[in-house]
Amino acid sequence: MKKINCIACGEEIIDKDTIGINKKLIGEDIKTFYCINCLADYLGCDVQDIFDKIEEFKEEGCKLFS
């Protein structure tokens, strides 16, 4: 897999769920990604809100989190 870094802070993204939540909340066709902390800042929410959404989407069977 190609190395992916956060477009805001440069941190390497190694978790598939981080990629999935970016695609789910921003758009499936995006080419750049945020780490969880920067995504929360970008969306104006708490990091825990992002983790809660990931779990919610997993429970719903979302293909981005399989």
N, C-alpha and C. Protein backbone atom coordinates (compact mmCIF):
# COMPACT_ATOMS: atom_id res chain seq x y z
N MET A 1 0.84 -1.19 0.00
CA MET A 1 0.00 0.00 0.00
C MET A 1 0.88 1.25 0.00
N LYS A 2 0.46 2.23 -0.76
CA LYS A 2 1.17 3.49 -0.84
C LYS A 2 1.12 4.23 0.50
N LYS A 3 2.21 4.88 0.86
CA LYS A 3 2.27 5.64 2.10
C LYS A 3 1.33 6.85 2.00
N ILE A 4 0.51 7.02 3.02
CA ILE A 4 -0.45 8.12 3.05
C ILE A 4 -0.16 8.98 4.28
N ASN A 5 -0.09 10.28 4.07
CA ASN A 5 0.14 11.20 5.17
C ASN A 5 -1.01 12.20 5.27
N CYS A 6 -1.26 12.65 6.49
CA CYS A 6 -2.27 13.67 6.74
C CYS A 6 -1.91 14.94 6.00
N ILE A 7 -2.89 15.53 5.31
CA ILE A 7 -2.62 16.75 4.56
C ILE A 7 -2.47 17.97 5.46
N ALA A 8 -2.88 17.87 6.70
CA ALA A 8 -2.77 19.01 7.62
C ALA A 8 -1.49 18.98 8.44
N CYS A 9 -1.17 17.82 9.04
CA CYS A 9 -0.02 17.76 9.95
C CYS A 9 1.13 16.91 9.44
N GLY A 10 0.89 16.10 8.42
CA GLY A 10 1.94 15.26 7.85
C GLY A 10 2.12 13.91 8.51
N GLU A 11 1.35 13.63 9.57
CA GLU A 11 1.45 12.32 10.26
C GLU A 11 1.09 11.20 9.30
N GLU A 12 1.85 10.10 9.36
CA GLU A 12 1.54 8.95 8.52
C GLU A 12 0.26 8.28 8.99
N ILE A 13 -0.60 7.95 8.05
CA ILE A 13 -1.87 7.29 8.35
C ILE A 13 -1.70 5.81 8.04
N ILE A 14 -1.79 4.99 9.08
CA ILE A 14 -1.59 3.55 8.90
C ILE A 14 -2.85 2.73 9.20
N ASP A 15 -3.88 3.38 9.71
CA ASP A 15 -5.11 2.69 10.10
C ASP A 15 -6.15 2.77 8.99
N LYS A 16 -6.66 1.61 8.56
CA LYS A 16 -7.66 1.59 7.49
C LYS A 16 -8.94 2.31 7.90
N ASP A 17 -9.27 2.29 9.19
CA ASP A 17 -10.48 2.98 9.64
C ASP A 17 -10.37 4.49 9.44
N THR A 18 -9.16 5.03 9.57
CA THR A 18 -8.96 6.47 9.34
C THR A 18 -9.22 6.81 7.89
N ILE A 19 -8.75 5.98 6.98
CA ILE A 19 -9.02 6.18 5.56
C ILE A 19 -10.53 6.07 5.31
N GLY A 20 -11.14 5.07 5.92
CA GLY A 20 -12.58 4.85 5.73
C GLY A 20 -13.42 6.01 6.21
N ILE A 21 -13.11 6.55 7.38
CA ILE A 21 -13.92 7.64 7.92
C ILE A 21 -13.74 8.92 7.10
N ASN A 22 -12.54 9.14 6.57
CA ASN A 22 -12.33 10.27 5.66
C ASN A 22 -13.23 10.13 4.44
N LYS A 23 -13.24 8.94 3.85
CA LYS A 23 -14.06 8.72 2.66
C LYS A 23 -15.54 8.84 2.97
N LYS A 24 -15.96 8.33 4.13
CA LYS A 24 -17.37 8.36 4.51
C LYS A 24 -17.86 9.79 4.76
N LEU A 25 -17.04 10.59 5.45
CA LEU A 25 -17.49 11.93 5.85
C LEU A 25 -17.16 13.03 4.84
N ILE A 26 -16.13 12.83 4.03
CA ILE A 26 -15.73 13.88 3.08
C ILE A 26 -16.12 13.52 1.66
N GLY A 27 -15.96 12.26 1.30
CA GLY A 27 -16.34 11.82 -0.05
C GLY A 27 -15.49 10.64 -0.48
N GLU A 28 -16.11 9.65 -1.13
CA GLU A 28 -15.40 8.42 -1.49
C GLU A 28 -14.30 8.64 -2.52
N ASP A 29 -14.37 9.72 -3.29
CA ASP A 29 -13.41 9.94 -4.36
C ASP A 29 -12.23 10.83 -3.95
N ILE A 30 -12.09 11.11 -2.65
CA ILE A 30 -11.01 12.00 -2.21
C ILE A 30 -9.65 11.34 -2.43
N LYS A 31 -8.64 12.17 -2.64
CA LYS A 31 -7.28 11.69 -2.87
C LYS A 31 -6.35 12.05 -1.71
N THR A 32 -6.78 12.95 -0.84
CA THR A 32 -5.99 13.35 0.32
C THR A 32 -6.79 13.08 1.59
N PHE A 33 -6.07 12.83 2.68
CA PHE A 33 -6.72 12.38 3.90
C PHE A 33 -6.21 13.14 5.12
N TYR A 34 -7.04 13.18 6.16
CA TYR A 34 -6.68 13.75 7.45
C TYR A 34 -6.46 12.63 8.45
N CYS A 35 -5.53 12.83 9.41
CA CYS A 35 -5.46 11.92 10.55
C CYS A 35 -6.70 12.18 11.41
N ILE A 36 -6.95 11.34 12.37
CA ILE A 36 -8.16 11.48 13.20
C ILE A 36 -8.21 12.84 13.90
N ASN A 37 -7.09 13.28 14.46
CA ASN A 37 -7.08 14.57 15.18
C ASN A 37 -7.38 15.73 14.25
N CYS A 38 -6.75 15.74 13.08
CA CYS A 38 -6.97 16.85 12.14
C CYS A 38 -8.37 16.77 11.52
N LEU A 39 -8.88 15.57 11.32
CA LEU A 39 -10.24 15.42 10.80
C LEU A 39 -11.24 15.99 11.80
N ALA A 40 -11.04 15.71 13.07
CA ALA A 40 -11.93 16.28 14.10
C ALA A 40 -11.86 17.81 14.09
N ASP A 41 -10.66 18.36 13.96
CA ASP A 41 -10.51 19.82 13.87
C ASP A 41 -11.23 20.36 12.63
N TYR A 42 -11.03 19.69 11.50
CA TYR A 42 -11.63 20.10 10.23
C TYR A 42 -13.16 20.11 10.32
N LEU A 43 -13.70 19.09 10.98
CA LEU A 43 -15.16 18.96 11.09
C LEU A 43 -15.74 19.70 12.28
N GLY A 44 -14.88 20.21 13.18
CA GLY A 44 -15.35 20.94 14.35
C GLY A 44 -16.02 20.05 15.38
N CYS A 45 -15.45 18.86 15.58
CA CYS A 45 -16.01 17.94 16.57
C CYS A 45 -14.88 17.36 17.41
N ASP A 46 -15.24 16.52 18.37
CA ASP A 46 -14.25 15.87 19.22
C ASP A 46 -13.73 14.60 18.55
N VAL A 47 -12.51 14.20 18.90
CA VAL A 47 -11.94 12.96 18.40
C VAL A 47 -12.83 11.77 18.76
N GLN A 48 -13.38 11.78 19.97
CA GLN A 48 -14.27 10.68 20.38
C GLN A 48 -15.48 10.58 19.48
N ASP A 49 -15.98 11.72 18.98
CA ASP A 49 -17.11 11.69 18.05
C ASP A 49 -16.76 10.90 16.79
N ILE A 50 -15.52 11.08 16.32
CA ILE A 50 -15.06 10.35 15.13
C ILE A 50 -15.03 8.85 15.42
N PHE A 51 -14.44 8.48 16.56
CA PHE A 51 -14.38 7.05 16.92
C PHE A 51 -15.78 6.46 17.08
N ASP A 52 -16.70 7.23 17.66
CA ASP A 52 -18.08 6.76 17.81
C ASP A 52 -18.72 6.52 16.45
N LYS A 53 -18.48 7.42 15.50
CA LYS A 53 -19.04 7.28 14.15
C LYS A 53 -18.46 6.05 13.45
N ILE A 54 -17.15 5.82 13.62
CA ILE A 54 -16.53 4.63 13.02
C ILE A 54 -17.23 3.38 13.52
N GLU A 55 -17.45 3.28 14.82
CA GLU A 55 -18.12 2.11 15.39
C GLU A 55 -19.55 1.99 14.87
N GLU A 56 -20.23 3.12 14.77
CA GLU A 56 -21.60 3.13 14.26
C GLU A 56 -21.65 2.60 12.83
N PHE A 57 -20.74 3.08 11.99
CA PHE A 57 -20.72 2.64 10.59
C PHE A 57 -20.34 1.17 10.48
N LYS A 58 -19.44 0.70 11.34
CA LYS A 58 -19.08 -0.73 11.35
C LYS A 58 -20.30 -1.58 11.68
N GLU A 59 -21.06 -1.16 12.69
CA GLU A 59 -22.25 -1.89 13.10
C GLU A 59 -23.30 -1.92 12.00
N GLU A 60 -23.33 -0.85 11.18
CA GLU A 60 -24.28 -0.79 10.07
C GLU A 60 -23.82 -1.63 8.88
N GLY A 61 -22.57 -2.11 8.93
CA GLY A 61 -22.05 -2.92 7.85
C GLY A 61 -21.49 -2.13 6.68
N CYS A 62 -21.09 -0.89 6.91
CA CYS A 62 -20.55 -0.04 5.85
C CYS A 62 -19.33 -0.71 5.22
N LYS A 63 -19.29 -0.77 3.89
CA LYS A 63 -18.20 -1.43 3.16
C LYS A 63 -16.86 -0.76 3.36
N LEU A 64 -16.83 0.49 3.79
CA LEU A 64 -15.56 1.19 3.99
C LEU A 64 -14.84 0.73 5.27
N PHE A 65 -15.53 -0.03 6.10
CA PHE A 65 -14.97 -0.46 7.38
C PHE A 65 -14.95 -1.98 7.53
N SER A 66 -14.89 -2.69 6.42
CA SER A 66 -14.90 -4.16 6.49
C SER A 66 -13.51 -4.74 6.41
